[in-house]
């Protein structure tokens, strides 16, 4: 698991998670059948996570989030509920770990 050591590395990890989600969403649009529950039931989850990650990115840049306060990211219950269906779960684990513990030098 990659552990970001700076705010810039953390923001890059957020961007990577956003990219992964948007890649899945694009594949679902191109190939997914709306009647196919493999995609249709998780698309709203990915859309919500993408939105939450973008907000987190913006909030960190604006100084609205204190990292290292021992708290989970607000969207981690959603990630946990769908963890079997998120192939890049390790990104969320790294983001949450750093969010809870702070940057390790």
Protein backbone atom coordinates (compact mmCIF):
# COMPACT_ATOMS: atom_id res chain seq x y z
CA UNK A 1 0.00 0.00 0.00
CA UNK A 2 1.36 3.39 -0.98
CA UNK A 3 1.35 5.79 1.94
CA UNK A 4 1.51 9.44 0.88
CA UNK A 5 4.10 11.50 2.75
CA UNK A 6 2.95 14.93 1.62
CA UNK A 7 -0.26 16.71 0.79
CA UNK A 8 0.70 16.70 -2.90
CA UNK A 9 1.18 12.92 -2.85
CA UNK A 10 -2.16 12.56 -1.10
CA UNK A 11 -3.88 14.70 -3.73
CA UNK A 12 -2.24 12.59 -6.45
CA UNK A 13 -3.64 9.45 -4.80
CA UNK A 14 -7.10 11.02 -4.75
CA UNK A 15 -6.69 11.83 -8.45
CA UNK A 16 -5.69 8.24 -9.13
CA UNK A 17 -8.82 6.95 -7.37
CA UNK A 18 -10.98 9.39 -9.35
CA UNK A 19 -9.35 8.20 -12.58
CA UNK A 20 -10.04 4.54 -11.71
CA UNK A 21 -13.69 5.27 -10.93
CA UNK A 22 -14.22 7.31 -14.07
CA UNK A 23 -12.56 4.58 -16.13
CA UNK A 24 -15.06 2.04 -14.77
CA UNK A 25 -17.94 4.45 -15.45
CA UNK A 26 -16.79 4.97 -19.05
CA UNK A 27 -16.50 1.20 -19.59
CA UNK A 28 -19.97 0.73 -18.18
CA UNK A 29 -21.37 3.36 -20.54
CA UNK A 30 -19.61 1.85 -23.55
CA UNK A 31 -20.21 -1.81 -22.82
CA UNK A 32 -22.77 -2.09 -20.07
CA UNK A 33 -26.32 -3.18 -20.64
CA UNK A 34 -28.66 -1.09 -18.46
CA UNK A 35 -30.43 -4.32 -17.56
CA UNK A 36 -27.14 -5.93 -16.46
CA UNK A 37 -27.08 -5.76 -12.66
CA UNK A 38 -23.29 -6.27 -12.62
CA UNK A 39 -22.97 -2.63 -13.66
CA UNK A 40 -26.33 -1.03 -13.00
CA UNK A 41 -26.44 -1.63 -9.24
CA UNK A 42 -22.95 -0.26 -8.57
CA UNK A 43 -22.94 2.72 -10.94
CA UNK A 44 -24.61 5.03 -8.40
CA UNK A 45 -21.97 3.96 -5.85
CA UNK A 46 -19.12 4.85 -8.21
CA UNK A 47 -20.77 8.15 -9.10
CA UNK A 48 -21.15 9.04 -5.41
CA UNK A 49 -17.55 8.07 -4.63
CA UNK A 50 -16.28 10.11 -7.57
CA UNK A 51 -18.23 13.13 -6.34
CA UNK A 52 -17.02 12.64 -2.76
CA UNK A 53 -13.38 12.29 -3.87
CA UNK A 54 -13.58 15.45 -5.98
CA UNK A 55 -15.04 17.33 -3.01
CA UNK A 56 -12.31 15.96 -0.73
CA UNK A 57 -9.65 17.12 -3.21
CA UNK A 58 -11.13 20.62 -3.32
CA UNK A 59 -11.61 20.79 0.45
CA UNK A 60 -7.99 19.79 1.11
CA UNK A 61 -6.73 22.46 -1.27
CA UNK A 62 -8.89 25.00 0.55
CA UNK A 63 -7.67 23.87 3.97
CA UNK A 64 -11.08 22.54 5.03
CA UNK A 65 -9.83 19.08 6.08
CA UNK A 66 -7.42 18.29 8.88
CA UNK A 67 -5.53 15.11 8.07
CA UNK A 68 -4.29 12.91 10.88
CA UNK A 69 -7.10 13.45 13.36
CA UNK A 70 -7.89 9.75 13.80
CA UNK A 71 -11.13 9.83 11.85
CA UNK A 72 -12.19 7.76 8.85
CA UNK A 73 -13.04 9.45 5.60
CA UNK A 74 -16.77 10.21 5.54
CA UNK A 75 -17.42 7.89 2.59
CA UNK A 76 -15.65 4.82 4.01
CA UNK A 77 -18.90 3.13 5.16
CA UNK A 78 -20.01 3.16 1.50
CA UNK A 79 -16.63 1.76 0.40
CA UNK A 80 -16.85 -0.96 3.06
CA UNK A 81 -20.37 -1.91 2.03
CA UNK A 82 -19.29 -2.41 -1.59
CA UNK A 83 -15.68 -3.56 -1.06
CA UNK A 84 -16.16 -6.81 -3.00
CA UNK A 85 -17.13 -4.77 -6.05
CA UNK A 86 -14.35 -2.16 -5.92
CA UNK A 87 -11.26 -3.53 -7.69
CA UNK A 88 -9.06 -0.65 -6.53
CA UNK A 89 -9.95 -0.98 -2.87
CA UNK A 90 -6.27 -0.56 -1.97
CA UNK A 91 -6.44 3.09 -3.07
CA UNK A 92 -9.25 3.75 -0.63
CA UNK A 93 -7.36 1.90 2.10
CA UNK A 94 -4.30 4.09 1.54
CA UNK A 95 -6.37 7.27 1.42
CA UNK A 96 -8.22 6.40 4.61
CA UNK A 97 -5.10 5.27 6.48
CA UNK A 98 -3.33 8.54 5.70
CA UNK A 99 -6.45 10.56 6.47
CA UNK A 100 -6.61 8.92 9.92
CA UNK A 101 -2.92 8.87 10.81
CA UNK A 102 -1.44 11.81 8.94
CA UNK A 103 1.62 12.02 6.75
CA UNK A 104 4.51 9.73 7.66
CA UNK A 105 7.95 11.20 7.10
